[in-house]
Protein backbone atom coordinates (compact mmCIF):
# COMPACT_ATOMS: atom_id res chain seq x y z
CA UNK A 1 96.95 109.65 57.24
CA UNK A 2 98.69 112.77 56.89
CA UNK A 3 101.18 112.93 59.71
CA UNK A 4 100.31 116.45 60.99
CA UNK A 5 96.39 115.11 61.79
CA UNK A 6 97.90 111.09 63.02
CA UNK A 7 100.46 113.49 65.45
CA UNK A 8 97.49 115.54 66.64
CA UNK A 9 94.87 112.61 67.28
CA UNK A 10 97.71 110.91 69.57
CA UNK A 11 97.61 113.96 71.50
CA UNK A 12 94.02 114.02 72.08
CA UNK A 13 93.56 110.69 72.70
CA UNK A 14 96.58 110.88 74.86
CA UNK A 15 95.38 114.03 76.87
CA UNK A 16 91.90 112.13 77.12
CA UNK A 17 94.07 109.50 79.14
CA UNK A 18 95.75 111.70 81.32
CA UNK A 19 92.63 113.77 82.73
CA UNK A 20 91.12 112.04 85.62
CA UNK A 21 87.85 110.42 85.45
CA UNK A 22 85.35 112.28 87.26
CA UNK A 23 85.15 109.56 90.06
CA UNK A 24 89.04 109.84 90.20
CA UNK A 25 89.17 113.80 90.27
CA UNK A 26 89.70 115.06 94.16
CA UNK A 27 87.69 118.08 95.63
CA UNK A 28 88.86 122.03 94.62
CA UNK A 29 90.06 121.73 98.48
CA UNK A 30 92.52 118.83 98.32
CA UNK A 31 93.53 120.41 94.78
CA UNK A 32 94.51 123.10 96.75
CA UNK A 33 96.69 121.22 98.71
CA UNK A 34 94.66 122.51 101.59
CA UNK A 35 93.66 119.20 103.23
CA UNK A 36 95.94 116.62 103.27
CA UNK A 37 96.38 113.25 101.83
CA UNK A 38 94.42 111.32 104.34
CA UNK A 39 91.46 111.28 102.53
CA UNK A 40 91.90 108.09 100.55
CA UNK A 41 93.57 105.88 103.21
CA UNK A 42 90.20 106.42 105.30
CA UNK A 43 87.91 105.59 102.39
CA UNK A 44 89.63 102.28 102.36
CA UNK A 45 89.62 101.69 105.73
CA UNK A 46 85.54 102.99 105.56
CA UNK A 47 84.61 100.27 102.74
CA UNK A 48 86.80 97.61 104.49
CA UNK A 49 84.35 98.10 107.62
CA UNK A 50 81.62 98.20 105.44
CA UNK A 51 82.38 95.34 103.89
CA UNK A 52 83.76 93.11 106.49
CA UNK A 53 87.09 92.71 105.21
CA UNK A 54 88.19 94.11 108.83
CA UNK A 55 86.47 94.32 112.23
CA UNK A 56 83.04 96.05 112.55
CA UNK A 57 83.91 99.37 114.44
CA UNK A 58 81.32 102.03 114.06
CA UNK A 59 80.90 105.89 114.90
CA UNK A 60 77.20 106.99 114.59
CA UNK A 61 76.81 110.30 114.77
CA UNK A 62 73.29 111.93 114.98
CA UNK A 63 72.84 115.74 115.28
CA UNK A 64 70.01 117.80 116.56
CA UNK A 65 68.14 120.96 115.85
CA UNK A 66 68.87 122.59 112.44
CA UNK A 67 71.38 121.92 109.91
CA UNK A 68 74.04 124.12 111.15
CA UNK A 69 74.27 122.50 114.47
CA UNK A 70 74.43 119.17 113.31
CA UNK A 71 76.81 119.92 110.56
CA UNK A 72 79.27 121.05 113.72
CA UNK A 73 78.88 117.51 115.33
CA UNK A 74 79.16 115.56 112.06
CA UNK A 75 82.99 117.53 110.91
CA UNK A 76 84.19 116.85 114.08
CA UNK A 77 83.31 113.44 114.37
CA UNK A 78 84.58 112.59 111.06
CA UNK A 79 88.10 113.46 112.44
CA UNK A 80 87.04 111.36 115.71
CA UNK A 81 86.53 108.70 113.29
CA UNK A 82 89.80 108.94 111.29
CA UNK A 83 91.76 109.07 114.61
CA UNK A 84 90.32 106.35 116.07
CA UNK A 85 89.79 103.69 112.98
CA UNK A 86 85.95 103.62 112.84
CA UNK A 87 83.45 104.10 110.16
CA UNK A 88 81.69 107.09 110.38
CA UNK A 89 78.16 106.71 109.73
CA UNK A 90 75.36 109.54 110.06
CA UNK A 91 71.74 109.07 111.19
CA UNK A 92 69.44 111.50 109.67
CA UNK A 93 67.96 113.59 111.73
CA UNK A 94 67.16 115.98 108.77
CA UNK A 95 67.33 114.32 105.32
CA UNK A 96 70.94 114.78 104.39
CA UNK A 97 70.46 112.62 101.70
CA UNK A 98 68.11 114.46 99.58
CA UNK A 99 70.05 117.51 99.87
CA UNK A 100 73.77 115.63 99.54
CA UNK A 101 75.66 113.38 97.35
CA UNK A 102 78.54 111.19 99.08
CA UNK A 103 81.84 112.03 97.03
CA UNK A 104 84.62 109.68 99.32
CA UNK A 105 82.61 107.20 101.70
CA UNK A 106 78.75 106.15 102.00
CA UNK A 107 77.91 107.46 105.27
CA UNK A 108 74.60 106.21 105.67
CA UNK A 109 73.79 104.30 108.59
CA UNK A 110 73.40 100.67 108.22
CA UNK A 111 71.30 98.07 109.52
CA UNK A 112 73.67 96.57 112.68
CA UNK A 113 73.77 93.23 114.14
CA UNK A 114 72.04 92.50 117.18
CA UNK A 115 75.04 90.92 118.80
CA UNK A 116 77.26 94.05 118.62
CA UNK A 117 77.71 96.24 121.58
CA UNK A 118 77.08 99.56 122.03
CA UNK A 119 77.73 102.88 123.80
CA UNK A 120 75.79 106.07 124.09
CA UNK A 121 77.17 109.38 124.63
CA UNK A 122 75.90 112.76 124.56
CA UNK A 123 77.51 116.09 123.25
CA UNK A 124 74.66 118.90 123.70
CA UNK A 125 74.70 122.53 124.84
CA UNK A 126 72.47 125.29 124.66
CA UNK A 127 75.15 127.53 126.46
CA UNK A 128 78.42 127.25 128.04
CA UNK A 129 80.80 123.53 126.15
CA UNK A 130 79.40 120.66 128.07
CA UNK A 131 82.93 120.22 130.03
CA UNK A 132 81.25 118.05 132.55
CA UNK A 133 80.56 115.11 129.97
CA UNK A 134 82.78 112.36 129.81
CA UNK A 135 82.79 112.30 125.97
CA UNK A 136 83.96 116.12 125.92
CA UNK A 137 86.89 114.94 128.88
CA UNK A 138 88.10 112.22 126.30
CA UNK A 139 88.09 114.58 123.61
CA UNK A 140 90.10 117.47 125.38
CA UNK A 141 92.93 115.87 127.01
CA UNK A 142 92.34 112.12 127.13
CA UNK A 143 92.41 108.86 124.82
CA UNK A 144 90.11 107.99 122.34
CA UNK A 145 90.95 104.43 122.97
CA UNK A 146 88.85 104.93 126.47
CA UNK A 147 86.20 106.63 124.01
CA UNK A 148 83.54 103.56 123.77
CA UNK A 149 86.28 101.24 125.35
CA UNK A 150 85.85 98.90 122.79
CA UNK A 151 82.56 98.94 122.02
CA UNK A 152 81.31 97.70 118.48
CA UNK A 153 79.46 100.88 118.46
CA UNK A 154 80.01 104.21 119.97
CA UNK A 155 76.71 106.91 119.05
CA UNK A 156 77.84 110.35 119.64
CA UNK A 157 74.34 112.39 119.75
CA UNK A 158 74.28 116.42 119.75
CA UNK A 159 74.99 119.84 118.54
CA UNK A 160 78.51 120.45 119.95
CA UNK A 161 81.67 120.79 117.50
CA UNK A 162 85.08 119.02 118.46
CA UNK A 163 87.39 120.24 115.70
CA UNK A 164 88.85 123.29 118.54
CA UNK A 165 88.83 120.47 121.76
CA UNK A 166 90.83 118.11 118.96
CA UNK A 167 93.44 120.72 118.42
CA UNK A 168 93.65 121.42 122.36
CA UNK A 169 94.37 118.01 122.84
CA UNK A 170 97.81 117.52 123.19
CA UNK A 171 98.18 114.08 121.54
CA UNK A 172 95.59 114.61 118.53
CA UNK A 173 96.76 118.34 117.42
CA UNK A 174 99.98 116.57 116.56
CA UNK A 175 98.63 113.61 114.35
CA UNK A 176 96.00 116.45 112.88
CA UNK A 177 98.47 118.95 112.09
CA UNK A 178 100.47 115.83 110.62
CA UNK A 179 97.63 114.75 108.39
CA UNK A 180 97.75 118.47 106.41
CA UNK A 181 95.03 119.87 108.79
CA UNK A 182 95.05 123.18 110.69
CA UNK A 183 91.92 124.87 113.04
CA UNK A 184 90.75 127.48 110.15
CA UNK A 185 90.74 124.51 107.53
CA UNK A 186 89.54 121.51 109.04
CA UNK A 187 85.88 122.22 109.45
CA UNK A 188 85.51 122.95 105.93
CA UNK A 189 87.97 119.85 104.75
CA UNK A 190 85.19 117.62 106.21
CA UNK A 191 82.16 118.95 104.68
CA UNK A 192 84.06 118.79 101.62
CA UNK A 193 85.25 115.20 102.13
CA UNK A 194 81.73 114.31 103.36
CA UNK A 195 79.48 116.13 101.36
CA UNK A 196 78.54 117.50 97.65
CA UNK A 197 75.35 119.02 96.65
CA UNK A 198 72.73 116.71 95.32
CA UNK A 199 70.98 117.19 91.64
CA UNK A 200 68.33 118.47 93.84
CA UNK A 201 69.82 121.26 94.95
CA UNK A 202 72.30 121.82 92.25
CA UNK A 203 69.47 122.72 89.80
CA UNK A 204 67.44 124.69 92.54
CA UNK A 205 70.29 127.04 92.58
CA UNK A 206 72.12 126.62 89.19
CA UNK A 207 71.71 130.31 88.49
CA UNK A 208 73.38 131.34 92.03
CA UNK A 209 76.01 128.61 91.48
CA UNK A 210 77.14 130.31 87.75
CA UNK A 211 77.56 132.96 89.44
CA UNK A 212 79.30 132.20 92.59
CA UNK A 213 81.82 130.21 91.22
CA UNK A 214 82.93 133.42 88.54
CA UNK A 215 85.45 135.38 89.07
CA UNK A 216 83.63 138.30 90.65
CA UNK A 217 84.37 139.89 93.88
CA UNK A 218 82.03 138.00 96.00
CA UNK A 219 80.49 139.40 99.57
CA UNK A 220 78.06 136.74 101.63
CA UNK A 221 75.82 139.13 103.54
CA UNK A 222 73.77 136.99 106.46
CA UNK A 223 70.75 138.78 108.15
CA UNK A 224 69.24 136.67 110.86
CA UNK A 225 66.22 137.34 113.07
CA UNK A 226 66.23 133.71 115.21
CA UNK A 227 64.76 130.36 115.35
CA UNK A 228 61.71 131.85 116.83
CA UNK A 229 60.93 134.18 113.90
CA UNK A 230 61.35 130.89 111.74
CA UNK A 231 59.22 128.54 113.97
CA UNK A 232 56.11 131.02 113.79
CA UNK A 233 56.95 133.64 116.99
CA UNK A 234 57.24 137.06 116.10
CA UNK A 235 58.76 139.83 118.40
CA UNK A 236 58.12 143.69 118.13
CA UNK A 237 61.69 144.11 117.20
CA UNK A 238 61.36 141.54 114.21
CA UNK A 239 58.72 143.09 112.83
CA UNK A 240 60.11 146.44 112.63
CA UNK A 241 62.70 144.64 110.69
CA UNK A 242 60.66 143.18 108.41
CA UNK A 243 59.25 146.48 108.09
CA UNK A 244 62.15 148.40 107.24
CA UNK A 245 65.65 147.86 106.12
CA UNK A 246 66.95 150.30 108.71
CA UNK A 247 67.46 147.85 111.42
CA UNK A 248 70.24 145.88 109.33
CA UNK A 249 71.14 148.33 106.95
CA UNK A 250 75.00 148.25 108.81
CA UNK A 251 75.24 144.50 107.22
CA UNK A 252 75.09 146.46 103.67
CA UNK A 253 77.06 148.97 104.81
CA UNK A 254 79.90 146.56 105.55
CA UNK A 255 79.86 145.06 102.16
CA UNK A 256 80.20 148.53 101.01
CA UNK A 257 83.38 148.76 103.00
CA UNK A 258 84.72 145.60 102.59
CA UNK A 259 84.37 146.44 98.28
CA UNK A 260 85.85 149.29 98.56
CA UNK A 261 88.93 147.97 100.76
CA UNK A 262 89.46 144.72 98.94
CA UNK A 263 87.99 145.12 95.20
CA UNK A 264 90.71 144.44 92.76
CA UNK A 265 90.49 147.32 90.33
CA UNK A 266 88.38 146.35 87.45
CA UNK A 267 86.51 143.54 89.23
CA UNK A 268 82.49 142.62 89.48
CA UNK A 269 80.93 142.59 92.56
CA UNK A 270 78.19 140.48 93.78
CA UNK A 271 76.12 140.05 97.41
CA UNK A 272 74.94 136.95 98.22
CA UNK A 273 72.13 137.35 101.02
CA UNK A 274 70.72 134.56 102.91
CA UNK A 275 68.13 135.18 105.37
CA UNK A 276 65.69 133.78 107.82
CA UNK A 277 63.18 136.97 106.62
CA UNK A 278 61.46 136.85 103.56
CA UNK A 279 60.40 140.69 103.97
CA UNK A 280 64.18 141.32 104.00
CA UNK A 281 64.93 139.50 101.22
CA UNK A 282 62.77 141.08 99.21
CA UNK A 283 63.21 144.45 99.98
CA UNK A 284 67.12 144.25 99.93
CA UNK A 285 66.58 142.85 96.39
CA UNK A 286 64.34 145.94 95.73
CA UNK A 287 67.00 148.57 97.16
CA UNK A 288 70.31 146.51 95.61
CA UNK A 289 68.66 145.12 92.07
CA UNK A 290 71.03 143.05 89.76
CA UNK A 291 74.12 143.26 92.46
CA UNK A 292 72.29 141.19 94.84
CA UNK A 293 72.01 137.42 94.63
CA UNK A 294 68.78 136.03 96.78
CA UNK A 295 66.61 133.57 96.29
CA UNK A 296 63.01 134.96 97.04
CA UNK A 297 61.45 131.66 98.55
CA UNK A 298 59.99 131.58 102.09
CA UNK A 299 62.85 130.59 104.73
CA UNK A 300 61.95 128.28 106.68
CA UNK A 301 63.90 125.66 109.89
CA UNK A 302 64.41 122.66 108.28
CA UNK A 303 64.10 120.97 111.83
CA UNK A 304 60.30 121.94 112.32
CA UNK A 305 59.23 119.87 109.27
CA UNK A 306 58.21 116.66 107.99
CA UNK A 307 58.12 114.79 105.02
CA UNK A 308 57.95 116.83 101.55
CA UNK A 309 58.41 120.55 102.96
CA UNK A 310 61.41 119.01 105.08
CA UNK A 311 62.93 117.59 101.65
CA UNK A 312 62.24 121.18 100.12
CA UNK A 313 63.88 123.48 103.22
CA UNK A 314 66.66 120.83 103.41
CA UNK A 315 67.38 121.90 99.44
CA UNK A 316 66.93 125.54 100.40
CA UNK A 317 69.01 125.70 103.68
CA UNK A 318 72.06 122.77 102.53
CA UNK A 319 72.15 124.90 98.85
CA UNK A 320 72.41 128.15 100.82
CA UNK A 321 75.15 126.91 103.11
CA UNK A 322 76.80 125.90 100.56
CA UNK A 323 76.99 129.06 98.21
CA UNK A 324 77.75 130.91 101.07
CA UNK A 325 81.11 129.15 101.59
CA UNK A 326 82.01 130.24 98.04
CA UNK A 327 81.83 134.32 99.00
CA UNK A 328 85.30 135.89 99.47
CA UNK A 329 84.08 137.66 102.53
CA UNK A 330 81.44 137.19 105.21
CA UNK A 331 79.20 139.61 106.79
CA UNK A 332 76.79 137.40 109.04
CA UNK A 333 74.51 137.63 112.65
CA UNK A 334 76.06 137.41 116.03
CA UNK A 335 73.27 134.89 116.67
CA UNK A 336 73.26 131.03 115.64
CA UNK A 337 75.83 128.99 113.84
CA UNK A 338 74.13 129.02 110.18
CA UNK A 339 76.09 132.06 108.65
CA UNK A 340 79.58 131.10 110.36
CA UNK A 341 79.49 127.55 109.63
CA UNK A 342 79.22 128.06 105.84
CA UNK A 343 81.55 130.93 106.33
CA UNK A 344 84.01 128.76 107.53
CA UNK A 345 83.49 126.09 104.70
CA UNK A 346 85.59 128.44 102.60
CA UNK A 347 88.54 127.41 104.34
CA UNK A 348 89.68 131.17 104.10
CA UNK A 349 91.44 133.65 107.35
CA UNK A 350 90.31 137.13 108.68
CA UNK A 351 87.12 137.45 106.22
CA UNK A 352 84.58 136.91 108.81
CA UNK A 353 82.58 140.27 110.30
CA UNK A 354 79.94 139.70 112.79
CA UNK A 355 77.27 142.05 113.60
CA UNK A 356 74.19 142.33 115.88
CA UNK A 357 70.88 143.25 114.50
CA UNK A 358 69.78 147.15 115.44
CA UNK A 359 73.56 147.68 115.95
CA UNK A 360 73.90 151.66 116.63
CA UNK A 361 77.50 152.11 116.17
CA UNK A 362 79.56 150.51 113.32
CA UNK A 363 83.28 150.47 113.01
CA UNK A 364 84.39 150.23 109.48
CA UNK A 365 84.61 147.03 108.13
CA UNK A 366 87.63 147.47 106.29
CA UNK A 367 90.47 144.85 108.38
CA UNK A 368 91.72 147.46 110.79
CA UNK A 369 89.27 149.67 111.96
CA UNK A 370 86.85 146.66 112.88
CA UNK A 371 88.53 143.64 112.80
CA UNK A 372 87.63 140.20 111.31
CA UNK A 373 86.74 137.32 113.39
CA UNK A 374 90.09 135.05 114.79
CA UNK A 375 89.59 131.62 114.64
CA UNK A 376 89.21 131.28 118.63
CA UNK A 377 86.47 133.89 118.81
CA UNK A 378 84.53 131.76 115.57
CA UNK A 379 85.53 128.61 117.37
CA UNK A 380 84.50 129.70 120.65
CA UNK A 381 80.73 130.29 120.13
CA UNK A 382 77.92 128.19 120.94
CA UNK A 383 77.39 125.69 118.89
CA UNK A 384 81.26 125.65 118.33
CA UNK A 385 82.93 124.38 116.08
């Protein structure tokens, strides 16, 4: 064999050995260094608990309502589990296992011994923060040693995020910073640690994923009419919104302004639209053509279905939530948490603009006239972060 060929083969096989296998690769967020290095240590603890190599202590989380509300609770509870040395498990109020794979820990709820002790807590709200709930007080300025008082299983039920609460706790905010987390990145880091899109999601959104992972400037637009619309209720203003883009035209004007302000020379631009109105999706696609990336599927609320229909709704919701987090800038509706939580997955800063449907006065979306939302404004809006 010629020396040059032998040298090339040695180089090839050496590189093949050095390139990590898929199971060894960390997420793109961890490679960027925004999430710290706590993940492998917690994964080992989690595995030790599940295998019985160490004391079985669990934090079981059960979200309520839809996907965004549940993810708000789950993301914060991951850090509660890490800080308290418990194995996080998710009780699937919606079919997470259909839409998400488990890249680092197996968060599916397991069967527990009937002799294990258990304590239940609730963090649920439809308005202001539940400051009178005992669990909230402990997380805000107390000690996690009191959470469950040594019970084998702590079950947390609700729809409230606690990341902002933990970063206000004088003890735990120091630990979170030492772990390499920051308030604006912790939510996205939690979702990246717990979830990756399942094969079903990747197949359903194959073309959209290719586009949203390219080099284009990507602007996410979320137009939301509300849960009442998704669950069959129709209001006068929603009838108007279905009939015309006039009611939401300012969302696209804001995207145009962001494009003008921040697009790099020669850079392609793509807009991603998610909406709970099929009419708005269809009319927008007709108006903006290939520039607009949008699924023309009938939107549905994942919490209002069962069986196969719920699985399909979960695939659609989880896929769009994940895609929206790939955008560089985000224009979201003021109501609800879906667009806001999806945007937070991006772990970016000063990229989130909030608008109201039927808003008549619109400042220039350029970061100067209309300011992007600050972390406090994002985190302090129900269902919170």
